[in-house]
N, C-alpha and C. Protein backbone atom coordinates (compact mmCIF):
# COMPACT_ATOMS: atom_id res chain seq x y z
N UNK A 1 108.76 70.31 199.43
CA UNK A 1 107.98 69.51 200.33
C UNK A 1 107.06 68.63 199.50
N UNK A 2 106.90 67.39 199.92
CA UNK A 2 105.98 66.50 199.21
C UNK A 2 104.58 66.60 199.81
N UNK A 3 103.64 65.92 199.19
CA UNK A 3 102.24 66.00 199.62
C UNK A 3 102.06 65.44 201.03
N UNK A 4 102.74 64.34 201.35
CA UNK A 4 102.66 63.77 202.71
C UNK A 4 103.11 64.82 203.74
N UNK A 5 104.25 65.44 203.48
CA UNK A 5 104.77 66.46 204.39
C UNK A 5 103.81 67.63 204.53
N UNK A 6 103.16 68.00 203.44
CA UNK A 6 102.17 69.07 203.48
C UNK A 6 101.01 68.67 204.40
N UNK A 7 100.59 67.41 204.34
CA UNK A 7 99.52 66.94 205.22
C UNK A 7 99.92 66.97 206.69
N UNK A 8 101.15 66.54 206.98
CA UNK A 8 101.65 66.58 208.35
C UNK A 8 101.66 68.02 208.85
N UNK A 9 102.16 68.92 208.02
CA UNK A 9 102.22 70.33 208.40
C UNK A 9 100.83 70.90 208.63
N UNK A 10 99.88 70.60 207.74
CA UNK A 10 98.52 71.09 207.90
C UNK A 10 97.91 70.56 209.20
N UNK A 11 98.09 69.28 209.48
CA UNK A 11 97.58 68.71 210.74
C UNK A 11 98.18 69.45 211.93
N UNK A 12 99.49 69.64 211.92
CA UNK A 12 100.16 70.31 213.04
C UNK A 12 99.69 71.75 213.20
N UNK A 13 99.46 72.44 212.10
CA UNK A 13 98.96 73.82 212.18
C UNK A 13 97.55 73.86 212.75
N UNK A 14 96.74 72.87 212.43
CA UNK A 14 95.35 72.84 212.89
C UNK A 14 95.23 72.36 214.34
N UNK A 15 96.17 71.51 214.79
CA UNK A 15 96.07 70.90 216.11
C UNK A 15 97.12 71.38 217.11
N UNK A 16 98.28 71.74 216.61
CA UNK A 16 99.37 72.15 217.51
C UNK A 16 100.29 71.01 217.90
N UNK A 17 100.10 69.85 217.29
CA UNK A 17 100.96 68.69 217.55
C UNK A 17 100.88 67.72 216.37
N UNK A 18 101.78 66.75 216.38
CA UNK A 18 101.89 65.78 215.29
C UNK A 18 100.70 64.82 215.26
N UNK A 19 100.30 64.36 214.08
CA UNK A 19 99.16 63.44 214.00
C UNK A 19 99.44 62.03 214.52
N UNK A 20 100.69 61.64 214.59
CA UNK A 20 101.01 60.26 214.96
C UNK A 20 101.88 60.22 216.21
N UNK A 21 101.50 60.95 217.23
CA UNK A 21 102.30 61.05 218.44
C UNK A 21 102.41 59.72 219.17
N UNK A 22 103.58 59.48 219.74
CA UNK A 22 103.83 58.30 220.56
C UNK A 22 105.16 58.51 221.28
N UNK A 23 105.40 57.68 222.27
CA UNK A 23 106.63 57.81 223.05
C UNK A 23 107.84 57.19 222.36
N UNK A 24 107.60 56.16 221.56
CA UNK A 24 108.70 55.46 220.88
C UNK A 24 108.51 55.54 219.38
N UNK A 25 109.62 55.57 218.67
CA UNK A 25 109.58 55.67 217.20
C UNK A 25 108.82 54.50 216.58
N UNK A 26 108.98 53.30 217.14
CA UNK A 26 108.26 52.13 216.63
C UNK A 26 106.75 52.33 216.74
N UNK A 27 106.31 52.98 217.81
CA UNK A 27 104.88 53.24 218.00
C UNK A 27 104.38 54.27 216.99
N UNK A 28 105.22 55.23 216.66
CA UNK A 28 104.85 56.22 215.64
C UNK A 28 104.64 55.52 214.30
N UNK A 29 105.59 54.66 213.93
CA UNK A 29 105.46 53.91 212.67
C UNK A 29 104.19 53.06 212.67
N UNK A 30 103.91 52.43 213.80
CA UNK A 30 102.72 51.60 213.92
C UNK A 30 101.45 52.44 213.76
N UNK A 31 101.45 53.63 214.35
CA UNK A 31 100.30 54.53 214.22
C UNK A 31 100.09 54.96 212.77
N UNK A 32 101.18 55.16 212.05
CA UNK A 32 101.07 55.53 210.63
C UNK A 32 100.47 54.38 209.84
N UNK A 33 101.00 53.18 210.05
CA UNK A 33 100.52 52.00 209.32
C UNK A 33 99.04 51.74 209.62
N UNK A 34 98.66 51.86 210.87
CA UNK A 34 97.28 51.57 211.28
C UNK A 34 96.35 52.78 211.10
N UNK A 35 96.91 53.87 210.59
CA UNK A 35 96.16 55.11 210.38
C UNK A 35 95.49 55.61 211.66
N UNK A 36 96.25 55.51 212.76
CA UNK A 36 95.75 55.99 214.05
C UNK A 36 95.99 57.49 214.14
N UNK A 37 95.00 58.23 213.77
CA UNK A 37 95.10 59.69 213.78
C UNK A 37 93.80 60.22 214.38
N UNK A 38 93.92 61.03 215.40
CA UNK A 38 92.75 61.58 216.06
C UNK A 38 92.60 63.04 215.67
N UNK A 39 91.34 63.43 215.50
CA UNK A 39 91.05 64.82 215.16
C UNK A 39 90.38 65.51 216.35
N UNK A 40 90.76 66.75 216.54
CA UNK A 40 90.10 67.58 217.54
C UNK A 40 88.65 67.79 217.13
N UNK A 41 87.79 67.95 218.11
CA UNK A 41 86.38 68.21 217.81
C UNK A 41 86.18 69.57 217.15
N UNK A 42 87.19 70.43 217.23
CA UNK A 42 87.11 71.77 216.61
C UNK A 42 87.40 71.73 215.11
N UNK A 43 87.89 70.61 214.61
CA UNK A 43 88.29 70.50 213.22
C UNK A 43 87.07 70.17 212.36
N UNK A 44 86.90 70.91 211.28
CA UNK A 44 85.75 70.70 210.41
C UNK A 44 85.86 69.39 209.63
N UNK A 45 84.72 68.90 209.20
CA UNK A 45 84.70 67.68 208.39
C UNK A 45 85.45 67.88 207.07
N UNK A 46 85.43 69.11 206.54
CA UNK A 46 86.16 69.39 205.29
C UNK A 46 87.66 69.21 205.47
N UNK A 47 88.20 69.69 206.59
CA UNK A 47 89.65 69.54 206.84
C UNK A 47 89.97 68.07 207.10
N UNK A 48 89.12 67.37 207.84
CA UNK A 48 89.34 65.94 208.09
C UNK A 48 89.39 65.19 206.75
N UNK A 49 88.46 65.52 205.87
CA UNK A 49 88.44 64.88 204.56
C UNK A 49 89.73 65.14 203.79
N UNK A 50 90.17 66.37 203.77
CA UNK A 50 91.40 66.72 203.06
C UNK A 50 92.59 65.99 203.67
N UNK A 51 92.71 66.01 204.99
CA UNK A 51 93.83 65.33 205.63
C UNK A 51 93.82 63.83 205.38
N UNK A 52 92.66 63.23 205.42
CA UNK A 52 92.57 61.79 205.13
C UNK A 52 92.97 61.48 203.70
N UNK A 53 92.70 62.39 202.78
CA UNK A 53 93.09 62.18 201.38
C UNK A 53 94.58 62.41 201.17
N UNK A 54 95.17 63.28 201.96
CA UNK A 54 96.60 63.57 201.84
C UNK A 54 97.43 62.49 202.54
N UNK A 55 97.05 62.12 203.75
CA UNK A 55 97.88 61.25 204.58
C UNK A 55 97.61 59.77 204.30
N UNK A 56 97.75 59.40 203.06
CA UNK A 56 97.68 58.01 202.63
C UNK A 56 99.11 57.46 202.58
N UNK A 57 99.28 56.25 203.03
CA UNK A 57 100.63 55.66 203.10
C UNK A 57 101.25 55.55 201.71
N UNK A 58 100.50 55.00 200.78
CA UNK A 58 101.02 54.82 199.41
C UNK A 58 100.90 56.14 198.64
N UNK A 59 102.00 56.65 198.12
CA UNK A 59 101.94 57.90 197.36
C UNK A 59 100.91 57.89 196.23
N UNK A 60 100.72 56.75 195.59
CA UNK A 60 99.76 56.67 194.48
C UNK A 60 98.32 56.86 194.95
N UNK A 61 98.07 56.64 196.23
CA UNK A 61 96.71 56.77 196.78
C UNK A 61 96.42 58.19 197.26
N UNK A 62 97.43 59.03 197.35
CA UNK A 62 97.26 60.39 197.86
C UNK A 62 96.61 61.29 196.83
N UNK A 63 95.87 62.26 197.32
CA UNK A 63 95.31 63.29 196.47
C UNK A 63 96.46 64.06 195.81
N UNK A 64 96.26 64.49 194.60
CA UNK A 64 97.30 65.25 193.88
C UNK A 64 97.29 66.70 194.36
N UNK A 65 98.32 67.42 194.01
CA UNK A 65 98.37 68.85 194.35
C UNK A 65 97.22 69.58 193.67
N UNK A 66 96.87 69.16 192.46
CA UNK A 66 95.73 69.77 191.76
C UNK A 66 94.43 69.47 192.52
N UNK A 67 94.32 68.24 193.03
CA UNK A 67 93.15 67.87 193.82
C UNK A 67 93.07 68.67 195.11
N UNK A 68 94.23 68.91 195.73
CA UNK A 68 94.26 69.73 196.95
C UNK A 68 93.76 71.13 196.63
N UNK A 69 94.26 71.71 195.55
CA UNK A 69 93.86 73.07 195.18
C UNK A 69 92.39 73.18 194.83
N UNK A 70 91.79 72.07 194.40
CA UNK A 70 90.37 72.07 194.05
C UNK A 70 89.48 71.60 195.21
N UNK A 71 90.09 71.20 196.31
CA UNK A 71 89.32 70.70 197.45
C UNK A 71 88.44 71.83 198.02
N UNK A 72 87.20 71.52 198.42
CA UNK A 72 86.28 72.55 198.92
C UNK A 72 86.84 73.40 200.06
N UNK A 73 87.60 72.80 200.99
CA UNK A 73 88.15 73.58 202.10
C UNK A 73 89.19 74.58 201.62
N UNK A 74 90.05 74.17 200.71
CA UNK A 74 91.08 75.08 200.18
C UNK A 74 90.41 76.18 199.36
N UNK A 75 89.46 75.84 198.52
CA UNK A 75 88.77 76.82 197.70
C UNK A 75 88.00 77.83 198.57
N UNK A 76 87.46 77.35 199.67
CA UNK A 76 86.70 78.20 200.59
C UNK A 76 87.55 79.34 201.14
N UNK A 77 88.82 79.06 201.43
CA UNK A 77 89.68 80.06 202.07
C UNK A 77 90.77 80.62 201.15
N UNK A 78 90.80 80.24 199.91
CA UNK A 78 91.88 80.68 199.02
C UNK A 78 91.70 82.13 198.55
N UNK A 79 90.54 82.69 198.70
CA UNK A 79 90.32 84.07 198.25
C UNK A 79 90.52 85.10 199.34
N UNK A 80 91.01 84.68 200.49
CA UNK A 80 91.17 85.63 201.60
C UNK A 80 92.42 86.44 201.44
């Protein structure tokens, strides 16, 4: 799995649905390009920050796997 896919999976696990939902595939693509992603009010700012760093369109702009592992939210729960 790549980092983008990991971000999609994390979003879905936290919300129960896809981050870029729409009725038509063209609308989904448009939502990705425009970064139209809504967060539940139950989601912490730390998770929002991590997801925003992961779900960057350009792979070069995405947080690295090392950055993910060092992210405060991941470190907070990695010892459980």
